[in-house]
Amino acid sequence: MSTRKQAGRRPRRWSQEVTETSHAMDLERGVFSGDDPRRIARSLKHSAEASHSRKSDPFRSAMSMLNFYLNRAGRRLPRERRRTLNAAKDELRALYGKPRQRPPPLHRTH
């Protein structure tokens, strides 16, 4: 894909292309919009383990999809939503028996 704009066509971002064309995992519709971190983690685990085209182990694939979503949402993601999705990371680690790698975030007073 060229980095130049083509006449009459909007430029595509690499993340849009990945989202639209990646066959790494077939995710449950609306998986990232749920309110239950454990359910989100279980859904990602199921999708990762069912996938036949992933390039790494199921845990890494599931965590990568969750991080990809978080990174793409960026600052637009409301604080509570980000909290839920970060809790889903911890649930995913627990489902796979992986230790937590980072200390919990500091709570801000403002």
Protein backbone atom coordinates (compact mmCIF):
# COMPACT_ATOMS: atom_id res chain seq x y z
CA MET A 1 0.00 0.00 0.00
CA SER A 2 1.32 3.42 -0.92
CA THR A 3 1.64 6.19 1.65
CA ARG A 4 0.34 8.71 -0.88
CA LYS A 5 -3.33 9.51 -1.17
CA GLN A 6 -4.96 8.07 -4.21
CA ALA A 7 -7.49 10.24 -6.04
CA GLY A 8 -10.96 9.94 -4.49
CA ARG A 9 -9.87 7.52 -1.78
CA ARG A 10 -9.27 8.07 1.93
CA PRO A 11 -5.93 6.86 3.22
CA ARG A 12 -6.17 3.74 5.35
CA ARG A 13 -4.41 3.34 8.63
CA TRP A 14 -2.41 0.18 9.25
CA SER A 15 -4.58 -0.59 12.29
CA GLN A 16 -7.75 -0.34 10.22
CA GLU A 17 -6.29 -2.76 7.73
CA VAL A 18 -5.29 -5.18 10.50
CA THR A 19 -8.74 -4.99 12.04
CA GLU A 20 -10.50 -5.59 8.72
CA THR A 21 -8.23 -8.22 7.19
CA SER A 22 -6.59 -10.10 10.06
CA HIS A 23 -7.61 -13.72 10.40
CA ALA A 24 -5.57 -14.26 13.55
CA MET A 25 -8.63 -14.68 15.73
CA ASP A 26 -12.36 -14.59 15.23
CA LEU A 27 -13.57 -12.61 18.22
CA GLU A 28 -17.02 -12.77 19.74
CA ARG A 29 -19.01 -9.73 18.58
CA GLY A 30 -18.89 -6.97 21.19
CA VAL A 31 -16.35 -8.77 23.37
CA PHE A 32 -14.63 -5.53 24.40
CA SER A 33 -17.85 -3.74 25.30
CA GLY A 34 -18.83 -6.04 28.17
CA ASP A 35 -18.75 -4.97 31.81
CA ASP A 36 -17.44 -8.23 33.29
CA PRO A 37 -13.62 -8.53 33.05
CA ARG A 38 -13.79 -12.30 33.64
CA ARG A 39 -16.26 -12.79 30.78
CA ILE A 40 -14.08 -10.69 28.46
CA ALA A 41 -11.04 -12.78 29.41
CA ARG A 42 -12.89 -16.09 28.95
CA SER A 43 -14.13 -14.99 25.53
CA LEU A 44 -10.63 -13.98 24.42
CA LYS A 45 -9.22 -17.26 25.74
CA HIS A 46 -11.85 -19.24 23.85
CA SER A 47 -11.18 -17.32 20.62
CA ALA A 48 -7.41 -17.72 20.94
CA GLU A 49 -7.62 -21.45 21.61
CA ALA A 50 -10.08 -22.02 18.75
CA SER A 51 -7.95 -20.13 16.23
CA HIS A 52 -5.93 -22.19 13.76
CA SER A 53 -4.07 -19.27 12.20
CA ARG A 54 -2.46 -17.63 15.22
CA LYS A 55 1.30 -17.18 15.17
CA SER A 56 1.98 -17.49 18.90
CA ASP A 57 0.59 -19.36 21.90
CA PRO A 58 -3.06 -18.72 22.88
CA PHE A 59 -2.22 -16.54 25.89
CA ARG A 60 -0.04 -14.20 23.84
CA SER A 61 -2.63 -14.02 21.06
CA ALA A 62 -5.44 -13.17 23.47
CA MET A 63 -3.36 -10.59 25.34
CA SER A 64 -2.22 -9.05 22.05
CA MET A 65 -5.80 -8.56 20.88
CA LEU A 66 -6.73 -6.93 24.19
CA ASN A 67 -3.69 -4.63 24.07
CA PHE A 68 -4.36 -3.81 20.42
CA TYR A 69 -7.89 -2.71 21.31
CA LEU A 70 -6.71 -0.65 24.30
CA ASN A 71 -3.97 1.04 22.28
CA ARG A 72 -6.29 1.83 19.37
CA ALA A 73 -8.90 3.37 21.66
CA GLY A 74 -6.24 5.60 23.19
CA ARG A 75 -7.38 8.64 25.12
CA ARG A 76 -10.94 8.38 23.81
CA LEU A 77 -11.54 5.37 26.06
CA PRO A 78 -13.39 6.41 29.23
CA ARG A 79 -11.54 5.77 32.49
CA GLU A 80 -14.05 3.16 33.72
CA ARG A 81 -13.89 1.25 30.42
CA ARG A 82 -10.07 1.25 30.57
CA ARG A 83 -10.26 -0.01 34.16
CA THR A 84 -12.54 -2.88 33.10
CA LEU A 85 -10.27 -3.87 30.21
CA ASN A 86 -7.15 -3.72 32.36
CA ALA A 87 -8.93 -5.94 34.89
CA ALA A 88 -9.62 -8.32 31.98
CA LYS A 89 -5.84 -8.54 31.46
CA ASP A 90 -5.45 -9.70 35.05
CA GLU A 91 -8.28 -12.22 34.58
CA LEU A 92 -6.62 -13.50 31.40
CA ARG A 93 -3.34 -13.96 33.27
CA ALA A 94 -5.19 -15.85 36.01
CA LEU A 95 -6.94 -18.13 33.47
CA TYR A 96 -3.55 -19.08 32.03
CA GLY A 97 -1.76 -19.23 35.40
CA LYS A 98 0.55 -16.33 34.52
CA PRO A 99 1.85 -13.98 37.24
CA ARG A 100 0.96 -10.30 37.24
CA GLN A 101 3.88 -8.42 35.66
CA ARG A 102 3.29 -4.90 36.85
CA PRO A 103 2.27 -3.26 40.12
CA PRO A 104 -1.30 -1.94 40.36
CA PRO A 105 -1.73 1.65 39.09
CA LEU A 106 -1.52 4.46 41.61
CA HIS A 107 -4.83 6.10 42.39
CA ARG A 108 -4.97 9.79 41.58
CA THR A 109 -6.80 12.14 43.89
CA HIS A 110 -7.88 14.65 41.24
